[in-house]
Amino acid sequence: MYATLLSFTLIVLTGVAFRRLKPGGLDADTVRNAINATVLNIFLPALCIKIFSETRIDIEAVLVPMTAALTICTLMALTHFVFKVIVRFKNISMPEVGALIICASFGNTTYLGLPVITELYGQSAQKYVLYFDLMTATPILWLIGAQVAARYGGLTEKISKKQMLYSSVKTVLMLPPIHGVILGGIIQSAGIPLPEPVFKALSLLGSLVVPLMIFSIGLAITVPKISHVYCAAISGGIKLIVSPLLAYFAAKKLGLDGVALNACTVEGAMPSMVLSLLIAARFNLDVTLAAFMIVSTTACSLFTLPVIVKLLSL
């Protein structure tokens, strides 16, 4: 586990160095956006098609998303309650609270979760990442998280709930990885064997997802100035400690065990998602605080993840 995380850290640091050195005069944000767009539109859909074309849909395809939904919704409610109490004693703005809620509730379940779980449990466990993220976390982010972010960002008066819901549903339905999941499921259900060249092409494209996503994390990391460190610590604690506990007990209660249980717990232990920065900017939340949460929880996860994996192996 430590060797795996160390290799990931080296790739992340390569991204950080690229951001600082700007080889070829390339801007890191431009490169990151290009990588993310390519992964989202080509490499990740290819991986989804490959995985689901050879994966039989079973009860885990229901229980893992249920675990993810219970975990995320509980985290949102818990963080909302915690900071509702804190704002009575501390001067924290609504945009700051909104950023803290989003960062505590949604983890980097694909960008970091996929490579970690692949290294820990093999390629056969990649389906759990897609169940957890693409089939649950991503829809909840845009259907519920976006509404919460808009409320704390003060946009609810400018945009009607109907317009926002329509936009959120459209965003989810237009995601290429979702199309990949559906297409892969259709291929598997119909019993259509993929030609060897097609399967090999999908495998090669899918193999690029992990290193590119880890490198992209490094490109996104900055060190923002932050005033409410104590609030970030509370939100980070919820994300890195409470979240995996919730995921574990939810999965256990629903009857998951073995690799499925471990994968859900590790997914719950992921640091704040990089997409939090986009959500913060889009809905007028505190972008600096969101950036700090991403950096701090990602750094801390290098210590918390090995502990969680060790506990799961006992």
Protein backbone atom coordinates (compact mmCIF):
# COMPACT_ATOMS: atom_id res chain seq x y z
CA MET A 1 0.00 0.00 0.00
CA TYR A 2 2.77 2.43 0.93
CA ALA A 3 4.66 1.62 -2.28
CA THR A 4 1.48 2.24 -4.28
CA LEU A 5 0.78 5.58 -2.60
CA LEU A 6 4.43 6.57 -2.99
CA SER A 7 4.27 5.91 -6.73
CA PHE A 8 1.07 7.96 -6.93
CA THR A 9 2.72 10.74 -4.92
CA LEU A 10 5.66 10.85 -7.34
CA ILE A 11 3.27 11.23 -10.29
CA VAL A 12 1.35 13.96 -8.43
CA LEU A 13 4.64 15.76 -7.69
CA THR A 14 5.49 15.52 -11.39
CA GLY A 15 2.26 17.40 -12.07
CA VAL A 16 3.13 19.97 -9.41
CA ALA A 17 6.58 20.44 -10.98
CA PHE A 18 5.00 20.82 -14.42
CA ARG A 19 2.72 23.52 -13.06
CA ARG A 20 5.65 25.44 -11.63
CA LEU A 21 8.19 24.96 -14.44
CA LYS A 22 5.77 25.30 -17.40
CA PRO A 23 7.85 23.26 -19.89
CA GLY A 24 7.35 24.45 -23.45
CA GLY A 25 5.59 27.51 -22.07
CA LEU A 26 2.44 25.46 -21.50
CA ASP A 27 0.02 26.70 -18.86
CA ALA A 28 -0.79 23.99 -16.29
CA ASP A 29 -4.50 24.82 -16.16
CA THR A 30 -4.76 24.61 -19.95
CA VAL A 31 -2.99 21.24 -19.95
CA ARG A 32 -5.15 19.99 -17.07
CA ASN A 33 -8.36 21.05 -18.81
CA ALA A 34 -7.22 19.30 -21.99
CA ILE A 35 -6.35 16.12 -20.08
CA ASN A 36 -9.63 16.17 -18.13
CA ALA A 37 -11.65 16.71 -21.31
CA THR A 38 -9.86 13.86 -23.07
CA VAL A 39 -10.26 11.50 -20.12
CA LEU A 40 -13.94 12.42 -19.70
CA ASN A 41 -14.83 12.10 -23.38
CA ILE A 42 -12.59 9.28 -24.62
CA PHE A 43 -10.51 7.29 -22.14
CA LEU A 44 -13.01 6.91 -19.26
CA PRO A 45 -15.96 5.97 -21.54
CA ALA A 46 -13.70 3.36 -23.17
CA LEU A 47 -12.86 1.96 -19.73
CA CYS A 48 -16.57 1.91 -18.81
CA ILE A 49 -17.47 0.00 -21.99
CA LYS A 50 -14.67 -2.51 -21.37
CA ILE A 51 -15.59 -3.11 -17.72
CA PHE A 52 -19.35 -3.37 -18.13
CA SER A 53 -19.19 -5.42 -21.33
CA GLU A 54 -17.56 -8.21 -19.33
CA THR A 55 -19.29 -7.67 -15.97
CA ARG A 56 -22.49 -9.47 -15.04
CA ILE A 57 -24.92 -7.13 -13.32
CA ASP A 58 -25.71 -8.54 -9.88
CA ILE A 59 -27.02 -7.39 -6.51
CA GLU A 60 -23.79 -5.45 -5.89
CA ALA A 61 -24.82 -3.08 -8.71
CA VAL A 62 -27.67 -2.06 -6.39
CA LEU A 63 -26.05 -2.31 -2.97
CA VAL A 64 -22.88 -0.33 -3.77
CA PRO A 65 -24.85 2.67 -5.14
CA MET A 66 -27.14 2.45 -2.09
CA THR A 67 -24.05 2.56 0.14
CA ALA A 68 -22.70 5.57 -1.73
CA ALA A 69 -26.03 7.39 -1.58
CA LEU A 70 -26.44 6.79 2.16
CA THR A 71 -22.87 7.88 2.83
CA ILE A 72 -22.98 11.08 0.76
CA CYS A 73 -26.43 12.22 1.90
CA THR A 74 -25.54 11.58 5.55
CA LEU A 75 -22.30 13.54 5.15
CA MET A 76 -24.16 16.49 3.62
CA ALA A 77 -26.71 16.51 6.45
CA LEU A 78 -24.04 16.09 9.13
CA THR A 79 -21.78 18.84 7.77
CA HIS A 80 -24.76 21.18 7.37
CA PHE A 81 -25.74 20.60 11.02
CA VAL A 82 -22.17 20.97 12.33
CA PHE A 83 -21.57 24.30 10.62
CA LYS A 84 -25.06 25.53 11.43
CA VAL A 85 -23.96 25.29 15.05
CA ILE A 86 -20.48 26.74 14.42
CA VAL A 87 -21.76 29.86 12.61
CA ARG A 88 -23.54 30.87 15.80
CA PHE A 89 -20.17 31.38 17.45
CA LYS A 90 -17.82 32.09 14.55
CA ASN A 91 -18.05 34.54 11.67
CA ILE A 92 -18.29 32.22 8.67
CA SER A 93 -19.98 33.30 5.46
CA MET A 94 -22.57 31.25 3.56
CA PRO A 95 -20.22 30.71 0.56
CA GLU A 96 -17.57 29.37 2.94
CA VAL A 97 -20.02 26.97 4.57
CA GLY A 98 -21.22 25.82 1.16
CA ALA A 99 -17.67 25.03 0.05
CA LEU A 100 -17.02 23.10 3.27
CA ILE A 101 -20.21 21.03 2.85
CA ILE A 102 -19.41 20.09 -0.75
CA CYS A 103 -15.77 19.26 0.06
CA ALA A 104 -16.73 17.12 3.07
CA SER A 105 -19.45 15.22 1.20
CA PHE A 106 -17.93 14.39 -2.18
CA GLY A 107 -14.63 12.57 -2.53
CA ASN A 108 -12.11 12.10 -5.31
CA THR A 109 -13.70 8.71 -5.96
CA THR A 110 -12.65 8.37 -9.60
CA TYR A 111 -9.48 10.44 -10.01
CA LEU A 112 -7.81 8.90 -6.94
CA GLY A 113 -10.24 6.14 -6.02
CA LEU A 114 -9.89 4.25 -9.30
CA PRO A 115 -6.08 3.93 -9.24
CA VAL A 116 -5.97 3.13 -5.52
CA ILE A 117 -8.65 0.43 -5.69
CA THR A 118 -7.18 -1.00 -8.90
CA GLU A 119 -3.79 -1.37 -7.21
CA LEU A 120 -5.29 -2.78 -4.00
CA TYR A 121 -7.88 -5.21 -5.35
CA GLY A 122 -7.15 -5.63 -9.06
CA GLN A 123 -8.95 -4.66 -12.25
CA SER A 124 -12.00 -6.74 -11.31
CA ALA A 125 -12.69 -4.22 -8.52
CA GLN A 126 -12.86 -1.27 -10.92
CA LYS A 127 -16.60 -1.87 -11.32
CA TYR A 128 -17.14 -0.84 -7.68
CA VAL A 129 -15.58 2.56 -8.40
CA LEU A 130 -17.97 3.06 -11.31
CA TYR A 131 -20.94 1.90 -9.20
CA PHE A 132 -19.93 4.29 -6.42
CA ASP A 133 -19.02 7.30 -8.52
CA LEU A 134 -20.66 7.34 -11.94
CA MET A 135 -23.87 5.62 -10.90
CA THR A 136 -24.30 7.47 -7.59
CA ALA A 137 -21.89 10.23 -6.54
CA THR A 138 -21.96 12.08 -9.86
CA PRO A 139 -25.78 12.15 -10.16
CA ILE A 140 -26.12 13.20 -6.50
CA LEU A 141 -23.52 15.93 -7.01
CA TRP A 142 -25.44 17.52 -9.88
CA LEU A 143 -28.99 16.79 -8.71
CA ILE A 144 -28.63 17.57 -4.99
CA GLY A 145 -25.15 19.01 -4.42
CA ALA A 146 -25.71 21.67 -7.07
CA GLN A 147 -28.91 22.78 -5.34
CA VAL A 148 -27.09 23.03 -2.00
CA ALA A 149 -24.19 24.94 -3.58
CA ALA A 150 -26.59 27.36 -5.30
CA ARG A 151 -28.38 28.02 -2.02
CA TYR A 152 -25.18 28.80 -0.12
CA GLY A 153 -23.83 30.77 -3.06
CA GLY A 154 -26.94 32.97 -3.10
CA LEU A 155 -28.05 31.91 -6.59
CA THR A 156 -31.45 30.48 -5.69
CA GLU A 157 -33.13 33.85 -6.22
CA LYS A 158 -31.51 34.34 -9.64
CA ILE A 159 -32.20 30.85 -11.02
CA SER A 160 -35.48 28.99 -10.56
CA LYS A 161 -35.40 25.50 -9.05
CA LYS A 162 -37.00 24.13 -12.20
CA GLN A 163 -34.27 25.61 -14.41
CA MET A 164 -31.53 24.35 -12.10
CA LEU A 165 -33.01 20.85 -11.91
CA TYR A 166 -33.35 20.72 -15.70
CA SER A 167 -29.74 21.83 -16.11
CA SER A 168 -28.54 19.26 -13.55
CA VAL A 169 -30.42 16.37 -15.16
CA LYS A 170 -29.13 17.40 -18.59
CA THR A 171 -25.55 17.52 -17.26
CA VAL A 172 -25.80 13.99 -15.87
CA LEU A 173 -27.43 12.53 -18.99
CA MET A 174 -24.83 14.12 -21.27
CA LEU A 175 -21.81 12.67 -19.44
CA PRO A 176 -19.91 10.37 -21.86
CA PRO A 177 -18.90 7.87 -19.11
CA ILE A 178 -22.60 7.33 -18.37
CA HIS A 179 -23.08 6.50 -22.05
CA GLY A 180 -20.14 4.10 -21.76
CA VAL A 181 -21.75 2.34 -18.78
CA ILE A 182 -25.05 1.98 -20.66
CA LEU A 183 -23.39 0.75 -23.86
CA GLY A 184 -21.23 -1.74 -21.97
CA GLY A 185 -24.30 -3.02 -20.10
CA ILE A 186 -26.22 -3.47 -23.36
CA ILE A 187 -23.32 -5.38 -24.92
CA GLN A 188 -23.07 -7.68 -21.90
CA SER A 189 -26.84 -8.23 -21.60
CA ALA A 190 -27.16 -9.01 -25.31
CA GLY A 191 -24.27 -11.46 -25.12
CA ILE A 192 -22.42 -9.71 -27.94
CA PRO A 193 -18.73 -10.70 -27.99
CA LEU A 194 -16.43 -7.78 -28.70
CA PRO A 195 -13.95 -8.40 -31.54
CA GLU A 196 -10.42 -8.81 -30.22
CA PRO A 197 -9.08 -5.60 -31.89
CA VAL A 198 -11.97 -3.57 -30.41
CA PHE A 199 -11.47 -5.05 -26.93
CA LYS A 200 -7.71 -4.42 -27.16
CA ALA A 201 -8.31 -0.82 -28.25
CA LEU A 202 -10.71 -0.26 -25.33
CA SER A 203 -8.16 -1.78 -22.94
CA LEU A 204 -5.35 0.46 -24.22
CA LEU A 205 -7.52 3.58 -24.01
CA GLY A 206 -8.77 2.64 -20.55
CA SER A 207 -5.23 2.00 -19.28
CA LEU A 208 -4.45 5.70 -19.78
CA VAL A 209 -7.11 6.82 -17.30
CA VAL A 210 -5.19 6.09 -14.10
CA PRO A 211 -1.81 7.81 -14.79
CA LEU A 212 -3.47 10.80 -16.48
CA MET A 213 -5.89 11.33 -13.59
CA ILE A 214 -3.13 11.19 -11.00
CA PHE A 215 -0.96 13.58 -13.04
CA SER A 216 -3.97 15.91 -13.39
CA ILE A 217 -4.31 16.08 -9.60
CA GLY A 218 -0.75 17.42 -9.43
CA LEU A 219 -1.54 20.02 -12.09
CA ALA A 220 -4.52 21.21 -10.03
CA ILE A 221 -2.69 21.61 -6.72
CA THR A 222 -1.92 25.11 -5.53
CA VAL A 223 -1.26 26.50 -2.05
CA PRO A 224 -3.98 29.09 -1.40
CA LYS A 225 -4.04 31.43 1.56
CA ILE A 226 -6.62 30.45 4.14
CA SER A 227 -8.02 32.12 7.23
CA HIS A 228 -10.53 29.58 8.56
CA VAL A 229 -8.09 26.72 9.09
CA TYR A 230 -10.09 25.34 12.01
CA CYS A 231 -13.21 25.06 9.84
CA ALA A 232 -11.22 23.31 7.12
CA ALA A 233 -9.87 20.92 9.76
CA ILE A 234 -13.40 20.03 10.88
CA SER A 235 -14.60 19.54 7.32
CA GLY A 236 -11.48 17.53 6.47
CA GLY A 237 -11.94 15.34 9.54
CA ILE A 238 -15.48 14.57 8.46
CA LYS A 239 -14.27 13.65 4.97
CA LEU A 240 -11.27 11.53 5.91
CA ILE A 241 -12.47 9.90 9.15
CA VAL A 242 -16.27 10.02 9.44
CA SER A 243 -16.91 9.30 5.76
CA PRO A 244 -15.11 5.92 5.58
CA LEU A 245 -16.79 4.87 8.84
CA LEU A 246 -20.20 5.72 7.41
CA ALA A 247 -19.40 3.89 4.17
CA TYR A 248 -18.19 0.82 6.05
CA PHE A 249 -21.22 0.52 8.33
CA ALA A 250 -23.68 1.31 5.53
CA ALA A 251 -22.11 -1.34 3.29
CA LYS A 252 -21.99 -3.85 6.15
CA LYS A 253 -25.62 -3.20 7.05
CA LEU A 254 -26.68 -3.71 3.42
CA GLY A 255 -24.94 -7.08 3.33
CA LEU A 256 -21.77 -6.30 1.38
CA ASP A 257 -18.57 -8.10 2.28
CA GLY A 258 -15.13 -8.92 0.93
CA VAL A 259 -13.75 -6.72 -1.83
CA ALA A 260 -17.07 -4.89 -2.31
CA LEU A 261 -17.12 -3.85 1.37
CA ASN A 262 -13.47 -2.81 1.31
CA ALA A 263 -13.86 -0.88 -1.95
CA CYS A 264 -16.83 1.09 -0.58
CA THR A 265 -14.87 1.95 2.57
CA VAL A 266 -11.80 3.06 0.61
CA GLU A 267 -14.02 5.13 -1.69
CA GLY A 268 -15.49 6.78 1.40
CA ALA A 269 -11.96 7.58 2.57
CA MET A 270 -11.03 9.53 -0.55
CA PRO A 271 -10.02 13.21 -0.11
CA SER A 272 -12.17 16.08 -1.38
CA MET A 273 -12.87 15.83 -5.09
CA VAL A 274 -10.99 18.10 -7.49
CA LEU A 275 -14.33 18.96 -9.07
CA SER A 276 -15.18 20.87 -5.87
CA LEU A 277 -13.20 23.76 -7.35
CA LEU A 278 -15.45 23.84 -10.41
CA ILE A 279 -18.61 23.64 -8.28
CA ALA A 280 -17.34 26.44 -6.04
CA ALA A 281 -16.60 28.70 -9.00
CA ARG A 282 -19.86 27.90 -10.77
CA PHE A 283 -22.10 28.55 -7.76
CA ASN A 284 -20.24 31.48 -6.13
CA LEU A 285 -18.85 29.52 -3.19
CA ASP A 286 -15.46 30.26 -1.61
CA VAL A 287 -13.01 29.07 -4.28
CA THR A 288 -9.92 29.64 -2.12
CA LEU A 289 -11.36 27.55 0.70
CA ALA A 290 -12.34 24.79 -1.73
CA ALA A 291 -8.80 24.75 -3.15
CA PHE A 292 -7.34 24.56 0.36
CA MET A 293 -9.64 21.65 1.20
CA ILE A 294 -8.53 19.74 -1.90
CA VAL A 295 -4.84 20.28 -1.16
CA SER A 296 -5.02 19.57 2.59
CA THR A 297 -7.24 16.47 2.41
CA THR A 298 -5.22 15.03 -0.47
CA ALA A 299 -2.01 15.46 1.55
CA CYS A 300 -3.57 14.02 4.71
CA SER A 301 -5.04 11.07 2.82
CA LEU A 302 -1.49 9.81 2.21
CA PHE A 303 -1.47 9.03 5.94
CA THR A 304 -5.13 8.14 6.58
CA LEU A 305 -5.62 5.77 3.62
CA PRO A 306 -2.90 3.28 4.67
CA VAL A 307 -4.40 3.18 8.18
CA ILE A 308 -7.88 2.46 6.82
CA VAL A 309 -6.59 -0.22 4.44
CA LYS A 310 -4.64 -1.80 7.31
CA LEU A 311 -7.75 -1.86 9.52
CA LEU A 312 -9.75 -3.49 6.73
CA SER A 313 -7.17 -6.26 6.47
CA LEU A 314 -7.40 -7.20 10.17
